[in-house]
Amino acid sequence: MDFTEQYLDSVNVPGNLCITALWAPVGLRYHATHHLFMNLPYHNLGKAQRRLVNGLSDNTLYLQTVRNSLWDALRRIWKEAAASSR
């Protein structure tokens, strides 16, 4: 996979700070942002993600990786897997 495909194959699930941090600790909820900035410390990934969402003039590609919740992420993965098996 090239860089863009690798990025789009990962997700960001900013979610609720308390609840999401339980199932995705240590910055894992910003996995797509991590692929863009691999050397950025995990504790800065949330801030970087918010800046990208709010600061990019065209953030459509970046927003393709954002999921609203764990269930949203799982639902989309299931849907994409079903579509690719056809």
PDB file of N, CA and C in Angstrom:
ATOM      1  N   MET A   1       0.842  -1.189   0.000  1.00  0.00           N
ATOM      2  CA  MET A   1       0.000   0.000   0.000  1.00  0.00           C
ATOM      3  C   MET A   1       0.880   1.242   0.000  1.00  0.00           C
ATOM      4  N   ASP A   2       0.445   2.244  -0.708  1.00  0.00           N
ATOM      5  CA  ASP A   2       1.185   3.502  -0.663  1.00  0.00           C
ATOM      6  C   ASP A   2       0.771   4.276   0.595  1.00  0.00           C
ATOM      7  N   PHE A   3       1.371   5.420   0.791  1.00  0.00           N
ATOM      8  CA  PHE A   3       1.159   6.195   2.010  1.00  0.00           C
ATOM      9  C   PHE A   3      -0.314   6.571   2.200  1.00  0.00           C
ATOM     10  N   THR A   4      -0.964   7.037   1.143  1.00  0.00           N
ATOM     11  CA  THR A   4      -2.372   7.448   1.242  1.00  0.00           C
ATOM     12  C   THR A   4      -3.266   6.260   1.549  1.00  0.00           C
ATOM     13  N   GLU A   5      -3.044   5.133   0.900  1.00  0.00           N
ATOM     14  CA  GLU A   5      -3.841   3.940   1.163  1.00  0.00           C
ATOM     15  C   GLU A   5      -3.648   3.442   2.590  1.00  0.00           C
ATOM     16  N   GLN A   6      -2.424   3.497   3.074  1.00  0.00           N
ATOM     17  CA  GLN A   6      -2.153   3.092   4.448  1.00  0.00           C
ATOM     18  C   GLN A   6      -2.877   4.003   5.421  1.00  0.00           C
ATOM     19  N   TYR A   7      -2.850   5.299   5.143  1.00  0.00           N
ATOM     20  CA  TYR A   7      -3.542   6.263   5.994  1.00  0.00           C
ATOM     21  C   TYR A   7      -5.048   5.999   5.987  1.00  0.00           C
ATOM     22  N   LEU A   8      -5.633   5.835   4.805  1.00  0.00           N
ATOM     23  CA  LEU A   8      -7.080   5.633   4.699  1.00  0.00           C
ATOM     24  C   LEU A   8      -7.527   4.278   5.227  1.00  0.00           C
ATOM     25  N   ASP A   9      -6.599   3.357   5.423  1.00  0.00           N
ATOM     26  CA  ASP A   9      -6.918   2.050   5.990  1.00  0.00           C
ATOM     27  C   ASP A   9      -6.969   2.084   7.513  1.00  0.00           C
ATOM     28  N   SER A  10      -6.619   3.214   8.101  1.00  0.00           N
ATOM     29  CA  SER A  10      -6.671   3.357   9.554  1.00  0.00           C
ATOM     30  C   SER A  10      -7.758   4.359   9.922  1.00  0.00           C
ATOM     31  N   VAL A  11      -8.071   4.449  11.208  1.00  0.00           N
ATOM     32  CA  VAL A  11      -9.175   5.314  11.637  1.00  0.00           C
ATOM     33  C   VAL A  11      -8.789   6.145  12.851  1.00  0.00           C
ATOM     34  N   ASN A  12      -9.528   7.230  13.012  1.00  0.00           N
ATOM     35  CA  ASN A  12      -9.514   8.039  14.230  1.00  0.00           C
ATOM     36  C   ASN A  12     -10.887   7.920  14.868  1.00  0.00           C
ATOM     37  N   VAL A  13     -10.917   7.649  16.153  1.00  0.00           N
ATOM     38  CA  VAL A  13     -12.176   7.583  16.888  1.00  0.00           C
ATOM     39  C   VAL A  13     -12.020   8.468  18.117  1.00  0.00           C
ATOM     40  N   PRO A  14     -12.125   9.798  17.940  1.00  0.00           N
ATOM     41  CA  PRO A  14     -11.907  10.694  19.078  1.00  0.00           C
ATOM     42  C   PRO A  14     -12.889  10.435  20.207  1.00  0.00           C
ATOM     43  N   GLY A  15     -14.154  10.210  19.884  1.00  0.00           N
ATOM     44  CA  GLY A  15     -15.170   9.816  20.858  1.00  0.00           C
ATOM     45  C   GLY A  15     -15.193  10.613  22.144  1.00  0.00           C
ATOM     46  N   ASN A  16     -15.701   9.987  23.162  1.00  0.00           N
ATOM     47  CA  ASN A  16     -15.800  10.550  24.495  1.00  0.00           C
ATOM     48  C   ASN A  16     -14.481  10.317  25.219  1.00  0.00           C
ATOM     49  N   LEU A  17     -13.916  11.354  25.787  1.00  0.00           N
ATOM     50  CA  LEU A  17     -12.594  11.257  26.409  1.00  0.00           C
ATOM     51  C   LEU A  17     -12.508  10.122  27.426  1.00  0.00           C
ATOM     52  N   CYS A  18     -13.495   9.988  28.298  1.00  0.00           N
ATOM     53  CA  CYS A  18     -13.434   8.957  29.344  1.00  0.00           C
ATOM     54  C   CYS A  18     -13.722   7.555  28.810  1.00  0.00           C
ATOM     55  N   ILE A  19     -14.791   7.414  28.050  1.00  0.00           N
ATOM     56  CA  ILE A  19     -15.203   6.092  27.583  1.00  0.00           C
ATOM     57  C   ILE A  19     -14.255   5.560  26.512  1.00  0.00           C
ATOM     58  N   THR A  20     -13.931   6.381  25.526  1.00  0.00           N
ATOM     59  CA  THR A  20     -13.063   5.922  24.440  1.00  0.00           C
ATOM     60  C   THR A  20     -11.669   5.582  24.953  1.00  0.00           C
ATOM     61  N   ALA A  21     -11.203   6.315  25.939  1.00  0.00           N
ATOM     62  CA  ALA A  21      -9.880   6.042  26.501  1.00  0.00           C
ATOM     63  C   ALA A  21      -9.814   4.665  27.167  1.00  0.00           C
ATOM     64  N   LEU A  22     -10.948   4.113  27.562  1.00  0.00           N
ATOM     65  CA  LEU A  22     -10.955   2.780  28.181  1.00  0.00           C
ATOM     66  C   LEU A  22     -10.673   1.679  27.160  1.00  0.00           C
ATOM     67  N   TRP A  23     -11.248   1.771  25.969  1.00  0.00           N
ATOM     68  CA  TRP A  23     -11.033   0.719  24.983  1.00  0.00           C
ATOM     69  C   TRP A  23      -9.908   1.053  24.012  1.00  0.00           C
ATOM     70  N   ALA A  24      -9.481   2.309  23.973  1.00  0.00           N
ATOM     71  CA  ALA A  24      -8.381   2.704  23.083  1.00  0.00           C
ATOM     72  C   ALA A  24      -7.418   3.606  23.849  1.00  0.00           C
ATOM     73  N   PRO A  25      -6.672   3.044  24.791  1.00  0.00           N
ATOM     74  CA  PRO A  25      -5.762   3.866  25.584  1.00  0.00           C
ATOM     75  C   PRO A  25      -4.516   4.294  24.799  1.00  0.00           C
ATOM     76  N   VAL A  26      -3.737   5.126  25.373  1.00  0.00           N
ATOM     77  CA  VAL A  26      -2.423   5.518  24.877  1.00  0.00           C
ATOM     78  C   VAL A  26      -2.484   6.075  23.451  1.00  0.00           C
ATOM     79  N   GLY A  27      -3.492   6.875  23.175  1.00  0.00           N
ATOM     80  CA  GLY A  27      -3.552   7.544  21.888  1.00  0.00           C
ATOM     81  C   GLY A  27      -3.991   6.691  20.715  1.00  0.00           C
ATOM     82  N   LEU A  28      -4.392   5.433  20.941  1.00  0.00           N
ATOM     83  CA  LEU A  28      -4.786   4.563  19.836  1.00  0.00           C
ATOM     84  C   LEU A  28      -6.049   5.042  19.132  1.00  0.00           C
ATOM     85  N   ARG A  29      -6.813   5.906  19.786  1.00  0.00           N
ATOM     86  CA  ARG A  29      -8.013   6.415  19.121  1.00  0.00           C
ATOM     87  C   ARG A  29      -7.664   7.387  17.995  1.00  0.00           C
ATOM     88  N   TYR A  30      -6.403   7.748  17.869  1.00  0.00           N
ATOM     89  CA  TYR A  30      -5.935   8.627  16.794  1.00  0.00           C
ATOM     90  C   TYR A  30      -4.942   7.882  15.901  1.00  0.00           C
ATOM     91  N   HIS A  31      -5.304   6.681  15.512  1.00  0.00           N
ATOM     92  CA  HIS A  31      -4.387   5.829  14.757  1.00  0.00           C
ATOM     93  C   HIS A  31      -4.071   6.403  13.375  1.00  0.00           C
ATOM     94  N   ALA A  32      -5.063   6.973  12.692  1.00  0.00           N
ATOM     95  CA  ALA A  32      -4.820   7.556  11.367  1.00  0.00           C
ATOM     96  C   ALA A  32      -3.887   8.759  11.475  1.00  0.00           C
ATOM     97  N   THR A  33      -4.088   9.578  12.487  1.00  0.00           N
ATOM     98  CA  THR A  33      -3.202  10.734  12.696  1.00  0.00           C
ATOM     99  C   THR A  33      -1.783  10.249  12.980  1.00  0.00           C
ATOM    100  N   HIS A  34      -1.660   9.152  13.700  1.00  0.00           N
ATOM    101  CA  HIS A  34      -0.351   8.559  13.968  1.00  0.00           C
ATOM    102  C   HIS A  34       0.346   8.191  12.651  1.00  0.00           C
ATOM    103  N   HIS A  35      -0.417   7.704  11.666  1.00  0.00           N
ATOM    104  CA  HIS A  35       0.194   7.353  10.383  1.00  0.00           C
ATOM    105  C   HIS A  35       0.707   8.583   9.641  1.00  0.00           C
ATOM    106  N   LEU A  36       0.102   9.730   9.885  1.00  0.00           N
ATOM    107  CA  LEU A  36       0.590  10.962   9.264  1.00  0.00           C
ATOM    108  C   LEU A  36       1.831  11.496   9.967  1.00  0.00           C
ATOM    109  N   PHE A  37       1.843  11.388  11.300  1.00  0.00           N
ATOM    110  CA  PHE A  37       2.921  11.951  12.119  1.00  0.00           C
ATOM    111  C   PHE A  37       3.454  10.877  13.061  1.00  0.00           C
ATOM    112  N   MET A  38       4.218   9.947  12.527  1.00  0.00           N
ATOM    113  CA  MET A  38       4.659   8.786  13.307  1.00  0.00           C
ATOM    114  C   MET A  38       5.571   9.139  14.474  1.00  0.00           C
ATOM    115  N   ASN A  39       6.262  10.249  14.393  1.00  0.00           N
ATOM    116  CA  ASN A  39       7.162  10.631  15.482  1.00  0.00           C
ATOM    117  C   ASN A  39       6.506  11.524  16.523  1.00  0.00           C
ATOM    118  N   LEU A  40       5.241  11.874  16.316  1.00  0.00           N
ATOM    119  CA  LEU A  40       4.532  12.717  17.276  1.00  0.00           C
ATOM    120  C   LEU A  40       4.188  11.892  18.512  1.00  0.00           C
ATOM    121  N   PRO A  41       4.511  12.382  19.700  1.00  0.00           N
ATOM    122  CA  PRO A  41       4.174  11.635  20.920  1.00  0.00           C
ATOM    123  C   PRO A  41       2.655  11.402  21.017  1.00  0.00           C
ATOM    124  N   TYR A  42       2.264  10.231  21.515  1.00  0.00           N
ATOM    125  CA  TYR A  42       0.850   9.864  21.550  1.00  0.00           C
ATOM    126  C   TYR A  42      -0.001  10.874  22.303  1.00  0.00           C
ATOM    127  N   HIS A  43       0.554  11.524  23.329  1.00  0.00           N
ATOM    128  CA  HIS A  43      -0.246  12.468  24.100  1.00  0.00           C
ATOM    129  C   HIS A  43      -0.535  13.759  23.335  1.00  0.00           C
ATOM    130  N   ASN A  44       0.084  13.962  22.166  1.00  0.00           N
ATOM    131  CA  ASN A  44      -0.194  15.128  21.326  1.00  0.00           C
ATOM    132  C   ASN A  44      -1.079  14.796  20.122  1.00  0.00           C
ATOM    133  N   LEU A  45      -1.429  13.539  19.941  1.00  0.00           N
ATOM    134  CA  LEU A  45      -2.208  13.142  18.773  1.00  0.00           C
ATOM    135  C   LEU A  45      -3.603  13.766  18.760  1.00  0.00           C
ATOM    136  N   GLY A  46      -4.254  13.846  19.899  1.00  0.00           N
ATOM    137  CA  GLY A  46      -5.590  14.448  19.967  1.00  0.00           C
ATOM    138  C   GLY A  46      -5.564  15.907  19.564  1.00  0.00           C
ATOM    139  N   LYS A  47      -4.593  16.629  20.053  1.00  0.00           N
ATOM    140  CA  LYS A  47      -4.458  18.044  19.697  1.00  0.00           C
ATOM    141  C   LYS A  47      -4.171  18.199  18.201  1.00  0.00           C
ATOM    142  N   ALA A  48      -3.311  17.345  17.658  1.00  0.00           N
ATOM    143  CA  ALA A  48      -3.004  17.388  16.229  1.00  0.00           C
ATOM    144  C   ALA A  48      -4.253  17.084  15.413  1.00  0.00           C
ATOM    145  N   GLN A  49      -5.030  16.098  15.830  1.00  0.00           N
ATOM    146  CA  GLN A  49      -6.245  15.735  15.119  1.00  0.00           C
ATOM    147  C   GLN A  49      -7.230  16.899  15.104  1.00  0.00           C
ATOM    148  N   ARG A  50      -7.427  17.552  16.238  1.00  0.00           N
ATOM    149  CA  ARG A  50      -8.346  18.701  16.299  1.00  0.00           C
ATOM    150  C   ARG A  50      -7.860  19.842  15.414  1.00  0.00           C
ATOM    151  N   ARG A  51      -6.566  20.094  15.394  1.00  0.00           N
ATOM    152  CA  ARG A  51      -6.025  21.157  14.541  1.00  0.00           C
ATOM    153  C   ARG A  51      -6.223  20.839  13.064  1.00  0.00           C
ATOM    154  N   LEU A  52      -6.046  19.588  12.691  1.00  0.00           N
ATOM    155  CA  LEU A  52      -6.230  19.202  11.293  1.00  0.00           C
ATOM    156  C   LEU A  52      -7.695  19.333  10.870  1.00  0.00           C
ATOM    157  N   VAL A  53      -8.604  18.881  11.712  1.00  0.00           N
ATOM    158  CA  VAL A  53     -10.031  18.976  11.395  1.00  0.00           C
ATOM    159  C   VAL A  53     -10.446  20.432  11.239  1.00  0.00           C
ATOM    160  N   ASN A  54      -9.983  21.296  12.135  1.00  0.00           N
ATOM    161  CA  ASN A  54     -10.400  22.700  12.127  1.00  0.00           C
ATOM    162  C   ASN A  54      -9.550  23.590  11.239  1.00  0.00           C
ATOM    163  N   GLY A  55      -8.312  23.207  10.954  1.00  0.00           N
ATOM    164  CA  GLY A  55      -7.395  24.100  10.268  1.00  0.00           C
ATOM    165  C   GLY A  55      -7.188  23.860   8.790  1.00  0.00           C
ATOM    166  N   LEU A  56      -7.507  22.657   8.316  1.00  0.00           N
ATOM    167  CA  LEU A  56      -7.308  22.383   6.896  1.00  0.00           C
ATOM    168  C   LEU A  56      -8.410  23.037   6.067  1.00  0.00           C
ATOM    169  N   SER A  57      -8.025  23.706   5.003  1.00  0.00           N
ATOM    170  CA  SER A  57      -9.042  24.330   4.150  1.00  0.00           C
ATOM    171  C   SER A  57      -9.857  23.268   3.413  1.00  0.00           C
ATOM    172  N   ASP A  58      -9.234  22.157   3.053  1.00  0.00           N
ATOM    173  CA  ASP A  58      -9.948  21.036   2.448  1.00  0.00           C
ATOM    174  C   ASP A  58      -9.616  19.792   3.269  1.00  0.00           C
ATOM    175  N   ASN A  59     -10.479  19.476   4.209  1.00  0.00           N
ATOM    176  CA  ASN A  59     -10.205  18.359   5.106  1.00  0.00           C
ATOM    177  C   ASN A  59     -11.014  17.114   4.764  1.00  0.00           C
ATOM    178  N   THR A  60     -11.533  17.023   3.540  1.00  0.00           N
ATOM    179  CA  THR A  60     -12.376  15.883   3.178  1.00  0.00           C
ATOM    180  C   THR A  60     -11.624  14.555   3.235  1.00  0.00           C
ATOM    181  N   LEU A  61     -10.391  14.515   2.769  1.00  0.00           N
ATOM    182  CA  LEU A  61      -9.603  13.290   2.833  1.00  0.00           C
ATOM    183  C   LEU A  61      -9.317  12.919   4.288  1.00  0.00           C
ATOM    184  N   TYR A  62      -8.960  13.908   5.081  1.00  0.00           N
ATOM    185  CA  TYR A  62      -8.672  13.640   6.483  1.00  0.00           C
ATOM    186  C   TYR A  62      -9.920  13.131   7.211  1.00  0.00           C
ATOM    187  N   LEU A  63     -11.071  13.713   6.935  1.00  0.00           N
ATOM    188  CA  LEU A  63     -12.301  13.328   7.628  1.00  0.00           C
ATOM    189  C   LEU A  63     -12.786  11.932   7.252  1.00  0.00           C
ATOM    190  N   GLN A  64     -12.272  11.366   6.168  1.00  0.00           N
ATOM    191  CA  GLN A  64     -12.659  10.002   5.801  1.00  0.00           C
ATOM    192  C   GLN A  64     -12.222   8.984   6.843  1.00  0.00           C
ATOM    193  N   THR A  65     -11.274   9.332   7.683  1.00  0.00           N
ATOM    194  CA  THR A  65     -10.780   8.392   8.689  1.00  0.00           C
ATOM    195  C   THR A  65     -11.474   8.549  10.039  1.00  0.00           C
ATOM    196  N   VAL A  66     -12.275   9.586  10.218  1.00  0.00           N
ATOM    197  CA  VAL A  66     -12.898   9.857  11.520  1.00  0.00           C
ATOM    198  C   VAL A  66     -14.159   9.021  11.688  1.00  0.00           C
ATOM    199  N   ARG A  67     -14.252   8.343  12.812  1.00  0.00           N
ATOM    200  CA  ARG A  67     -15.431   7.566  13.180  1.00  0.00           C
ATOM    201  C   ARG A  67     -16.017   8.156  14.456  1.00  0.00           C
ATOM    202  N   ASN A  68     -17.344   8.089  14.593  1.00  0.00           N
ATOM    203  CA  ASN A  68     -18.015   8.682  15.749  1.00  0.00           C
ATOM    204  C   ASN A  68     -17.864   7.869  17.023  1.00  0.00           C
ATOM    205  N   SER A  69     -17.728   6.560  16.885  1.00  0.00           N
ATOM    206  CA  SER A  69     -17.653   5.685  18.052  1.00  0.00           C
ATOM    207  C   SER A  69     -17.037   4.352  17.635  1.00  0.00           C
ATOM    208  N   LEU A  70     -16.786   3.512  18.609  1.00  0.00           N
ATOM    209  CA  LEU A  70     -16.296   2.160  18.327  1.00  0.00           C
ATOM    210  C   LEU A  70     -17.302   1.414  17.468  1.00  0.00           C
ATOM    211  N   TRP A  71     -18.582   1.547  17.786  1.00  0.00           N
ATOM    212  CA  TRP A  71     -19.622   0.831  17.037  1.00  0.00           C
ATOM    213  C   TRP A  71     -19.693   1.326  15.597  1.00  0.00           C
ATOM    214  N   ASP A  72     -19.521   2.619  15.395  1.00  0.00           N
ATOM    215  CA  ASP A  72     -19.486   3.172  14.044  1.00  0.00           C
ATOM    216  C   ASP A  72     -18.298   2.594  13.267  1.00  0.00           C
ATOM    217  N   ALA A  73     -17.146   2.529  13.902  1.00  0.00           N
ATOM    218  CA  ALA A  73     -15.947   1.986  13.261  1.00  0.00           C
ATOM    219  C   ALA A  73     -16.146   0.514  12.896  1.00  0.00           C
ATOM    220  N   LEU A  74     -16.686  -0.265  13.828  1.00  0.00           N
ATOM    221  CA  LEU A  74     -16.919  -1.696  13.571  1.00  0.00           C
ATOM    222  C   LEU A  74     -17.959  -1.911  12.476  1.00  0.00           C
ATOM    223  N   ARG A  75     -19.014  -1.103  12.484  1.00  0.00           N
ATOM    224  CA  ARG A  75     -20.057  -1.212  11.461  1.00  0.00           C
ATOM    225  C   ARG A  75     -19.473  -0.945  10.076  1.00  0.00           C
ATOM    226  N   ARG A  76     -18.644   0.091   9.961  1.00  0.00           N
ATOM    227  CA  ARG A  76     -18.048   0.424   8.661  1.00  0.00           C
ATOM    228  C   ARG A  76     -17.066  -0.657   8.203  1.00  0.00           C
ATOM    229  N   ILE A  77     -16.289  -1.199   9.141  1.00  0.00           N
ATOM    230  CA  ILE A  77     -15.356  -2.271   8.792  1.00  0.00           C
ATOM    231  C   ILE A  77     -16.135  -3.481   8.261  1.00  0.00           C
ATOM    232  N   TRP A  78     -17.215  -3.841   8.948  1.00  0.00           N
ATOM    233  CA  TRP A  78     -18.046  -4.966   8.535  1.00  0.00           C
ATOM    234  C   TRP A  78     -18.624  -4.719   7.147  1.00  0.00           C
ATOM    235  N   LYS A  79     -19.139  -3.506   6.928  1.00  0.00           N
ATOM    236  CA  LYS A  79     -19.728  -3.151   5.635  1.00  0.00           C
ATOM    237  C   LYS A  79     -18.692  -3.197   4.520  1.00  0.00           C
ATOM    238  N   GLU A  80     -17.484  -2.657   4.781  1.00  0.00           N
ATOM    239  CA  GLU A  80     -16.418  -2.659   3.771  1.00  0.00           C
ATOM    240  C   GLU A  80     -15.949  -4.084   3.475  1.00  0.00           C
ATOM    241  N   ALA A  81     -15.869  -4.916   4.500  1.00  0.00           N
ATOM    242  CA  ALA A  81     -15.438  -6.298   4.295  1.00  0.00           C
ATOM    243  C   ALA A  81     -16.472  -7.061   3.477  1.00  0.00           C
ATOM    244  N   ALA A  82     -17.745  -6.831   3.745  1.00  0.00           N
ATOM    245  CA  ALA A  82     -18.805  -7.491   2.987  1.00  0.00           C
ATOM    246  C   ALA A  82     -18.779  -7.046   1.528  1.00  0.00           C
ATOM    247  N   ALA A  83     -18.555  -5.761   1.302  1.00  0.00           N
ATOM    248  CA  ALA A  83     -18.514  -5.238  -0.065  1.00  0.00           C
ATOM    249  C   ALA A  83     -17.300  -5.773  -0.841  1.00  0.00           C
ATOM    250  N   SER A  84     -16.181  -5.935  -0.175  1.00  0.00           N
ATOM    251  CA  SER A  84     -14.990  -6.422  -0.877  1.00  0.00           C
ATOM    252  C   SER A  84     -15.048  -7.915  -1.168  1.00  0.00           C
ATOM    253  N   SER A  85     -15.879  -8.648  -0.447  1.00  0.00           N
ATOM    254  CA  SER A  85     -15.984 -10.089  -0.698  1.00  0.00           C
ATOM    255  C   SER A  85     -16.920 -10.415  -1.855  1.00  0.00           C
ATOM    256  N   ARG A  86     -17.625  -9.415  -2.339  1.00  0.00           N
ATOM    257  CA  ARG A  86     -18.549  -9.634  -3.486  1.00  0.00           C
ATOM    258  C   ARG A  86     -17.807  -9.685  -4.770  1.00  0.00           C
TER     259      ARG A  86
END
